[in-house]
Amino acid sequence: MLCNDGMADGAEAKAVYSSRDGGHSWELMAQSQAFALTHPVGRLEASGYADALVALSPTTVLMGVGYPLGGIELSTDAGRDWRIIRTNPEDIGSQTGGLVCVGSARCWTTSYDYVMRSVSLLRWEATAVG
């Protein structure tokens, strides 16, 4: 589960939770520094507006992130630590438009005039539209 606050100047505080019992209880996996007032949990940037969270397995999770980062964030440790994967071919910040995945590694998103397709979780290809 992704929780985020209001957008401000290209950043928003985010927290990621995980449930192993169908949503009866939740464990905090990571939080951006803005939420970490007492002690930090995991590693998650406040930069970028999160618009989607997709769990591909119990350990692999993708997060669609928009301006100013522009891309997908990947966690391979159940949501504790995150790293940005640039999907925009122009390598500039842009709002990703949702995130759709079929299977464990075939995913799509949009970025400006591009449809982005995952070749692997770490590599994405762009097709210009319009």
C-alpha atoms as a PDB file:
ATOM      1  CA  MET A   1       0.000   0.000   0.000  1.00  0.00           C
ATOM      2  CA  LEU A   2       1.271   3.468  -0.880  1.00  0.00           C
ATOM      3  CA  CYS A   3       0.394   6.463   1.299  1.00  0.00           C
ATOM      4  CA  ASN A   4       1.363   9.956   0.201  1.00  0.00           C
ATOM      5  CA  ASP A   5       0.644  13.519   1.237  1.00  0.00           C
ATOM      6  CA  GLY A   6      -0.123  16.605  -0.817  1.00  0.00           C
ATOM      7  CA  MET A   7       2.142  17.579  -3.678  1.00  0.00           C
ATOM      8  CA  ALA A   8       4.511  20.503  -3.205  1.00  0.00           C
ATOM      9  CA  ASP A   9       7.288  21.754  -5.471  1.00  0.00           C
ATOM     10  CA  GLY A  10       7.952  18.383  -7.109  1.00  0.00           C
ATOM     11  CA  ALA A  11       8.026  16.375  -3.896  1.00  0.00           C
ATOM     12  CA  GLU A  12       5.641  14.512  -1.660  1.00  0.00           C
ATOM     13  CA  ALA A  13       6.168  12.504   1.477  1.00  0.00           C
ATOM     14  CA  LYS A  14       5.549   8.811   0.828  1.00  0.00           C
ATOM     15  CA  ALA A  15       5.265   5.648   2.924  1.00  0.00           C
ATOM     16  CA  VAL A  16       4.999   2.049   1.710  1.00  0.00           C
ATOM     17  CA  TYR A  17       3.291  -0.647   3.799  1.00  0.00           C
ATOM     18  CA  SER A  18       3.020  -4.406   3.292  1.00  0.00           C
ATOM     19  CA  SER A  19       0.480  -6.935   4.517  1.00  0.00           C
ATOM     20  CA  ARG A  20       1.040 -10.671   4.681  1.00  0.00           C
ATOM     21  CA  ASP A  21      -2.402 -11.544   6.042  1.00  0.00           C
ATOM     22  CA  GLY A  22      -4.820 -10.116   3.489  1.00  0.00           C
ATOM     23  CA  GLY A  23      -4.872  -6.607   4.952  1.00  0.00           C
ATOM     24  CA  HIS A  24      -5.628  -7.442   8.591  1.00  0.00           C
ATOM     25  CA  SER A  25      -2.309  -5.967   9.703  1.00  0.00           C
ATOM     26  CA  TRP A  26       0.270  -3.757   7.987  1.00  0.00           C
ATOM     27  CA  GLU A  27       4.029  -3.340   8.345  1.00  0.00           C
ATOM     28  CA  LEU A  28       5.816  -0.086   7.469  1.00  0.00           C
ATOM     29  CA  MET A  29       8.451  -1.006   4.868  1.00  0.00           C
ATOM     30  CA  ALA A  30       9.821   2.418   3.857  1.00  0.00           C
ATOM     31  CA  GLN A  31       9.125   6.101   4.286  1.00  0.00           C
ATOM     32  CA  SER A  32      10.544   9.255   2.815  1.00  0.00           C
ATOM     33  CA  GLN A  33      12.508  11.505   5.140  1.00  0.00           C
ATOM     34  CA  ALA A  34       9.539  13.873   5.488  1.00  0.00           C
ATOM     35  CA  PHE A  35       7.631  11.109   7.336  1.00  0.00           C
ATOM     36  CA  ALA A  36      10.668   9.860   9.278  1.00  0.00           C
ATOM     37  CA  LEU A  37      10.461  12.267  12.191  1.00  0.00           C
ATOM     38  CA  THR A  38      11.614   9.771  14.818  1.00  0.00           C
ATOM     39  CA  HIS A  39      13.634   7.090  13.021  1.00  0.00           C
ATOM     40  CA  PRO A  40      13.965   6.343   9.311  1.00  0.00           C
ATOM     41  CA  VAL A  41      12.596   3.106   7.875  1.00  0.00           C
ATOM     42  CA  GLY A  42      13.900   1.856   4.534  1.00  0.00           C
ATOM     43  CA  ARG A  43      15.053   4.177   1.765  1.00  0.00           C
ATOM     44  CA  LEU A  44      12.463   6.097  -0.261  1.00  0.00           C
ATOM     45  CA  GLU A  45      12.926   9.516  -1.894  1.00  0.00           C
ATOM     46  CA  ALA A  46      10.418  12.315  -1.357  1.00  0.00           C
ATOM     47  CA  SER A  47      11.157  13.665  -4.846  1.00  0.00           C
ATOM     48  CA  GLY A  48       8.572  12.866  -7.471  1.00  0.00           C
ATOM     49  CA  TYR A  49       4.830  12.357  -7.345  1.00  0.00           C
ATOM     50  CA  ALA A  50       3.891   8.673  -6.968  1.00  0.00           C
ATOM     51  CA  ASP A  51       0.918   7.601  -9.089  1.00  0.00           C
ATOM     52  CA  ALA A  52       1.003   3.783  -9.017  1.00  0.00           C
ATOM     53  CA  LEU A  53       2.303   0.858  -6.987  1.00  0.00           C
ATOM     54  CA  VAL A  54       2.461  -2.653  -8.495  1.00  0.00           C
ATOM     55  CA  ALA A  55       3.675  -5.734  -6.608  1.00  0.00           C
ATOM     56  CA  LEU A  56       5.101  -8.250  -9.079  1.00  0.00           C
ATOM     57  CA  SER A  57       6.069 -10.750  -6.374  1.00  0.00           C
ATOM     58  CA  PRO A  58       6.430 -10.773  -2.581  1.00  0.00           C
ATOM     59  CA  THR A  59       9.856  -9.141  -3.012  1.00  0.00           C
ATOM     60  CA  THR A  60       9.665  -7.132  -6.279  1.00  0.00           C
ATOM     61  CA  VAL A  61       7.628  -3.920  -6.368  1.00  0.00           C
ATOM     62  CA  LEU A  62       7.400  -1.086  -8.918  1.00  0.00           C
ATOM     63  CA  MET A  63       6.256   2.486  -8.257  1.00  0.00           C
ATOM     64  CA  GLY A  64       5.338   4.941 -11.030  1.00  0.00           C
ATOM     65  CA  VAL A  65       6.868   8.328 -10.242  1.00  0.00           C
ATOM     66  CA  GLY A  66       6.281  11.613 -12.002  1.00  0.00           C
ATOM     67  CA  TYR A  67       7.852  15.054 -11.995  1.00  0.00           C
ATOM     68  CA  PRO A  68      10.670  15.835 -11.236  1.00  0.00           C
ATOM     69  CA  LEU A  69      12.120  12.279 -11.294  1.00  0.00           C
ATOM     70  CA  GLY A  70      10.108  10.888 -14.189  1.00  0.00           C
ATOM     71  CA  GLY A  71      10.297   7.118 -14.260  1.00  0.00           C
ATOM     72  CA  ILE A  72       9.781   3.971 -12.277  1.00  0.00           C
ATOM     73  CA  GLU A  73      11.166   3.163  -8.852  1.00  0.00           C
ATOM     74  CA  LEU A  74      12.119  -0.460  -8.225  1.00  0.00           C
ATOM     75  CA  SER A  75      12.369  -2.363  -4.960  1.00  0.00           C
ATOM     76  CA  THR A  76      13.686  -5.916  -4.883  1.00  0.00           C
ATOM     77  CA  ASP A  77      13.526  -6.339  -1.108  1.00  0.00           C
ATOM     78  CA  ALA A  78       9.766  -6.189  -0.480  1.00  0.00           C
ATOM     79  CA  GLY A  79       9.601  -2.388  -0.511  1.00  0.00           C
ATOM     80  CA  ARG A  80      12.347  -1.407   1.921  1.00  0.00           C
ATOM     81  CA  ASP A  81      14.855   0.149  -0.462  1.00  0.00           C
ATOM     82  CA  TRP A  82      14.018   1.898  -3.748  1.00  0.00           C
ATOM     83  CA  ARG A  83      16.012   3.036  -6.772  1.00  0.00           C
ATOM     84  CA  ILE A  84      14.876   5.117  -9.730  1.00  0.00           C
ATOM     85  CA  ILE A  85      14.879   3.648 -13.226  1.00  0.00           C
ATOM     86  CA  ARG A  86      14.719   6.390 -15.841  1.00  0.00           C
ATOM     87  CA  THR A  87      12.114   5.490 -18.441  1.00  0.00           C
ATOM     88  CA  ASN A  88      11.889   8.800 -20.253  1.00  0.00           C
ATOM     89  CA  PRO A  89      13.966   8.690 -23.456  1.00  0.00           C
ATOM     90  CA  GLU A  90      14.738  12.387 -23.104  1.00  0.00           C
ATOM     91  CA  ASP A  91      15.956  11.714 -19.545  1.00  0.00           C
ATOM     92  CA  ILE A  92      14.021  14.634 -18.124  1.00  0.00           C
ATOM     93  CA  GLY A  93      11.429  14.613 -15.413  1.00  0.00           C
ATOM     94  CA  SER A  94       7.901  13.920 -16.546  1.00  0.00           C
ATOM     95  CA  GLN A  95       4.705  12.552 -15.148  1.00  0.00           C
ATOM     96  CA  THR A  96       4.334   8.857 -15.817  1.00  0.00           C
ATOM     97  CA  GLY A  97       0.767   7.910 -16.669  1.00  0.00           C
ATOM     98  CA  GLY A  98      -0.102   4.872 -14.599  1.00  0.00           C
ATOM     99  CA  LEU A  99       1.675   1.560 -14.607  1.00  0.00           C
ATOM    100  CA  VAL A 100       0.271  -1.685 -16.016  1.00  0.00           C
ATOM    101  CA  CYS A 101       2.016  -5.039 -15.659  1.00  0.00           C
ATOM    102  CA  VAL A 102       1.200  -8.477 -17.056  1.00  0.00           C
ATOM    103  CA  GLY A 103       3.180 -11.280 -15.536  1.00  0.00           C
ATOM    104  CA  SER A 104       6.322 -10.636 -13.587  1.00  0.00           C
ATOM    105  CA  ALA A 105       8.268  -8.445 -16.012  1.00  0.00           C
ATOM    106  CA  ARG A 106       6.082  -7.101 -18.849  1.00  0.00           C
ATOM    107  CA  CYS A 107       5.031  -3.594 -17.899  1.00  0.00           C
ATOM    108  CA  TRP A 108       3.903  -0.409 -19.659  1.00  0.00           C
ATOM    109  CA  THR A 109       3.592   3.243 -18.722  1.00  0.00           C
ATOM    110  CA  THR A 110       3.401   6.551 -20.577  1.00  0.00           C
ATOM    111  CA  SER A 111       5.666   9.582 -20.468  1.00  0.00           C
ATOM    112  CA  TYR A 112       4.854  12.692 -22.518  1.00  0.00           C
ATOM    113  CA  ASP A 113       4.447  11.439 -26.114  1.00  0.00           C
ATOM    114  CA  TYR A 114       5.904   7.990 -25.453  1.00  0.00           C
ATOM    115  CA  VAL A 115       4.603   4.584 -24.489  1.00  0.00           C
ATOM    116  CA  MET A 116       7.240   2.887 -22.391  1.00  0.00           C
ATOM    117  CA  ARG A 117       7.602  -0.922 -22.339  1.00  0.00           C
ATOM    118  CA  SER A 118       9.840  -2.900 -20.009  1.00  0.00           C
ATOM    119  CA  VAL A 119      12.406  -5.091 -21.712  1.00  0.00           C
ATOM    120  CA  SER A 120      13.505  -6.110 -18.223  1.00  0.00           C
ATOM    121  CA  LEU A 121      12.778  -4.480 -14.910  1.00  0.00           C
ATOM    122  CA  LEU A 122      15.932  -2.397 -15.309  1.00  0.00           C
ATOM    123  CA  ARG A 123      15.587  -1.520 -19.009  1.00  0.00           C
ATOM    124  CA  TRP A 124      12.657   0.174 -20.761  1.00  0.00           C
ATOM    125  CA  GLU A 125      12.059   1.004 -24.437  1.00  0.00           C
ATOM    126  CA  ALA A 126      10.144   3.965 -25.813  1.00  0.00           C
ATOM    127  CA  THR A 127       7.738   4.171 -28.741  1.00  0.00           C
ATOM    128  CA  ALA A 128       6.747   7.665 -29.855  1.00  0.00           C
ATOM    129  CA  VAL A 129       3.025   8.281 -30.373  1.00  0.00           C
ATOM    130  CA  GLY A 130       1.150  11.199 -31.852  1.00  0.00           C
END
